[in-house]
Amino acid sequence: MWIKELKLAIINDDLKTLDKLLSSIPEFDNLEDAKLAQNLIKEASLSLMEKRDKTRAIMQNLKNGKKFLENDRVKNIHQYFDKSL
């Protein structure tokens, strides 16, 4: 049941369910299920790292955009006052 839920969470990109499942990993009855769970956990981990990297890139783009807009605003203020004088 846990493995099936983990597969669905990975497929559906359900981070909340992934977090819940990964914080309560059960003991497995056989080696095959344990290996499958291990592979699925690796897959989930890779997916989370990919999302982290994408989020980091988006945050950096937002910071760069904010800095550009702030610099442009300051430049426009200086130009306005230079023309006024």
C-alpha atoms as a PDB file:
ATOM      1  CA  MET A   1       0.000   0.000   0.000  1.00  0.00           C
ATOM      2  CA  TRP A   2       2.785   2.449   0.952  1.00  0.00           C
ATOM      3  CA  ILE A   3       4.654   1.750  -2.301  1.00  0.00           C
ATOM      4  CA  LYS A   4       1.510   2.312  -4.353  1.00  0.00           C
ATOM      5  CA  GLU A   5       0.867   5.621  -2.581  1.00  0.00           C
ATOM      6  CA  LEU A   6       4.490   6.670  -3.153  1.00  0.00           C
ATOM      7  CA  LYS A   7       4.245   5.855  -6.865  1.00  0.00           C
ATOM      8  CA  LEU A   8       1.081   7.948  -7.154  1.00  0.00           C
ATOM      9  CA  ALA A   9       2.628  10.844  -5.239  1.00  0.00           C
ATOM     10  CA  ILE A  10       5.650  10.817  -7.575  1.00  0.00           C
ATOM     11  CA  ILE A  11       3.494  10.616 -10.707  1.00  0.00           C
ATOM     12  CA  ASN A  12       1.129  13.349  -9.494  1.00  0.00           C
ATOM     13  CA  ASP A  13       3.976  15.504  -8.200  1.00  0.00           C
ATOM     14  CA  ASP A  14       2.202  15.652  -4.838  1.00  0.00           C
ATOM     15  CA  LEU A  15       4.805  17.149  -2.528  1.00  0.00           C
ATOM     16  CA  LYS A  16       2.596  17.069   0.565  1.00  0.00           C
ATOM     17  CA  THR A  17       1.944  13.343   0.201  1.00  0.00           C
ATOM     18  CA  LEU A  18       5.616  12.695  -0.624  1.00  0.00           C
ATOM     19  CA  ASP A  19       6.629  14.445   2.570  1.00  0.00           C
ATOM     20  CA  LYS A  20       4.122  12.443   4.606  1.00  0.00           C
ATOM     21  CA  LEU A  21       5.186   9.122   3.074  1.00  0.00           C
ATOM     22  CA  LEU A  22       8.914   9.772   3.320  1.00  0.00           C
ATOM     23  CA  SER A  23       8.634  10.667   6.977  1.00  0.00           C
ATOM     24  CA  SER A  24       6.987   7.331   7.768  1.00  0.00           C
ATOM     25  CA  ILE A  25       8.826   4.666   5.760  1.00  0.00           C
ATOM     26  CA  PRO A  26       7.575   1.235   6.817  1.00  0.00           C
ATOM     27  CA  GLU A  27       9.511  -1.987   7.211  1.00  0.00           C
ATOM     28  CA  PHE A  28       9.152  -4.257   4.191  1.00  0.00           C
ATOM     29  CA  ASP A  29       8.329  -7.953   4.196  1.00  0.00           C
ATOM     30  CA  ASN A  30      10.672  -8.881   1.375  1.00  0.00           C
ATOM     31  CA  LEU A  31      13.800  -7.708  -0.381  1.00  0.00           C
ATOM     32  CA  GLU A  32      11.977  -6.982  -3.649  1.00  0.00           C
ATOM     33  CA  ASP A  33       9.653  -4.452  -1.999  1.00  0.00           C
ATOM     34  CA  ALA A  34      12.589  -2.883  -0.128  1.00  0.00           C
ATOM     35  CA  LYS A  35      14.558  -2.442  -3.376  1.00  0.00           C
ATOM     36  CA  LEU A  36      11.518  -1.011  -5.149  1.00  0.00           C
ATOM     37  CA  ALA A  37      10.975   1.422  -2.299  1.00  0.00           C
ATOM     38  CA  GLN A  38      14.641   2.405  -2.423  1.00  0.00           C
ATOM     39  CA  ASN A  39      14.397   3.161  -6.147  1.00  0.00           C
ATOM     40  CA  LEU A  40      11.198   5.128  -5.691  1.00  0.00           C
ATOM     41  CA  ILE A  41      12.739   7.141  -2.862  1.00  0.00           C
ATOM     42  CA  LYS A  42      15.683   7.967  -5.137  1.00  0.00           C
ATOM     43  CA  GLU A  43      13.237   9.057  -7.839  1.00  0.00           C
ATOM     44  CA  ALA A  44      11.349  11.235  -5.372  1.00  0.00           C
ATOM     45  CA  SER A  45      14.613  12.730  -4.155  1.00  0.00           C
ATOM     46  CA  LEU A  46      15.710  13.585  -7.702  1.00  0.00           C
ATOM     47  CA  SER A  47      12.345  15.168  -8.381  1.00  0.00           C
ATOM     48  CA  LEU A  48      12.579  17.284  -5.237  1.00  0.00           C
ATOM     49  CA  MET A  49      16.133  18.388  -6.073  1.00  0.00           C
ATOM     50  CA  GLU A  50      15.007  19.360  -9.576  1.00  0.00           C
ATOM     51  CA  LYS A  51      12.169  21.446  -8.138  1.00  0.00           C
ATOM     52  CA  ARG A  52      14.568  23.045  -5.657  1.00  0.00           C
ATOM     53  CA  ASP A  53      16.911  24.018  -8.486  1.00  0.00           C
ATOM     54  CA  LYS A  54      14.067  25.430 -10.581  1.00  0.00           C
ATOM     55  CA  THR A  55      12.793  27.398  -7.601  1.00  0.00           C
ATOM     56  CA  ARG A  56      16.298  28.711  -6.934  1.00  0.00           C
ATOM     57  CA  ALA A  57      16.597  29.864 -10.571  1.00  0.00           C
ATOM     58  CA  ILE A  58      13.198  31.565 -10.435  1.00  0.00           C
ATOM     59  CA  MET A  59      14.127  33.324  -7.195  1.00  0.00           C
ATOM     60  CA  GLN A  60      17.394  34.535  -8.731  1.00  0.00           C
ATOM     61  CA  ASN A  61      15.534  35.849 -11.793  1.00  0.00           C
ATOM     62  CA  LEU A  62      13.103  37.688  -9.528  1.00  0.00           C
ATOM     63  CA  LYS A  63      15.975  39.223  -7.548  1.00  0.00           C
ATOM     64  CA  ASN A  64      17.697  40.290 -10.770  1.00  0.00           C
ATOM     65  CA  GLY A  65      14.461  41.776 -12.085  1.00  0.00           C
ATOM     66  CA  LYS A  66      13.875  43.659  -8.840  1.00  0.00           C
ATOM     67  CA  LYS A  67      17.434  45.006  -8.889  1.00  0.00           C
ATOM     68  CA  PHE A  68      17.026  46.095 -12.523  1.00  0.00           C
ATOM     69  CA  LEU A  69      13.762  47.880 -11.790  1.00  0.00           C
ATOM     70  CA  GLU A  70      15.216  49.606  -8.731  1.00  0.00           C
ATOM     71  CA  ASN A  71      18.269  50.751 -10.696  1.00  0.00           C
ATOM     72  CA  ASP A  72      16.086  51.915 -13.582  1.00  0.00           C
ATOM     73  CA  ARG A  73      13.848  53.857 -11.192  1.00  0.00           C
ATOM     74  CA  VAL A  74      16.855  55.572  -9.586  1.00  0.00           C
ATOM     75  CA  LYS A  75      18.235  56.362 -13.043  1.00  0.00           C
ATOM     76  CA  ASN A  76      14.915  57.917 -14.092  1.00  0.00           C
ATOM     77  CA  ILE A  77      14.756  59.984 -10.893  1.00  0.00           C
ATOM     78  CA  HIS A  78      18.279  61.302 -11.540  1.00  0.00           C
ATOM     79  CA  GLN A  79      17.402  62.124 -15.138  1.00  0.00           C
ATOM     80  CA  TYR A  80      14.258  63.948 -14.021  1.00  0.00           C
ATOM     81  CA  PHE A  81      16.132  66.090 -11.524  1.00  0.00           C
ATOM     82  CA  ASP A  82      19.006  66.732 -13.933  1.00  0.00           C
ATOM     83  CA  LYS A  83      16.502  68.101 -16.478  1.00  0.00           C
ATOM     84  CA  SER A  84      14.778  70.189 -13.829  1.00  0.00           C
ATOM     85  CA  LEU A  85      17.934  71.994 -12.847  1.00  0.00           C
END
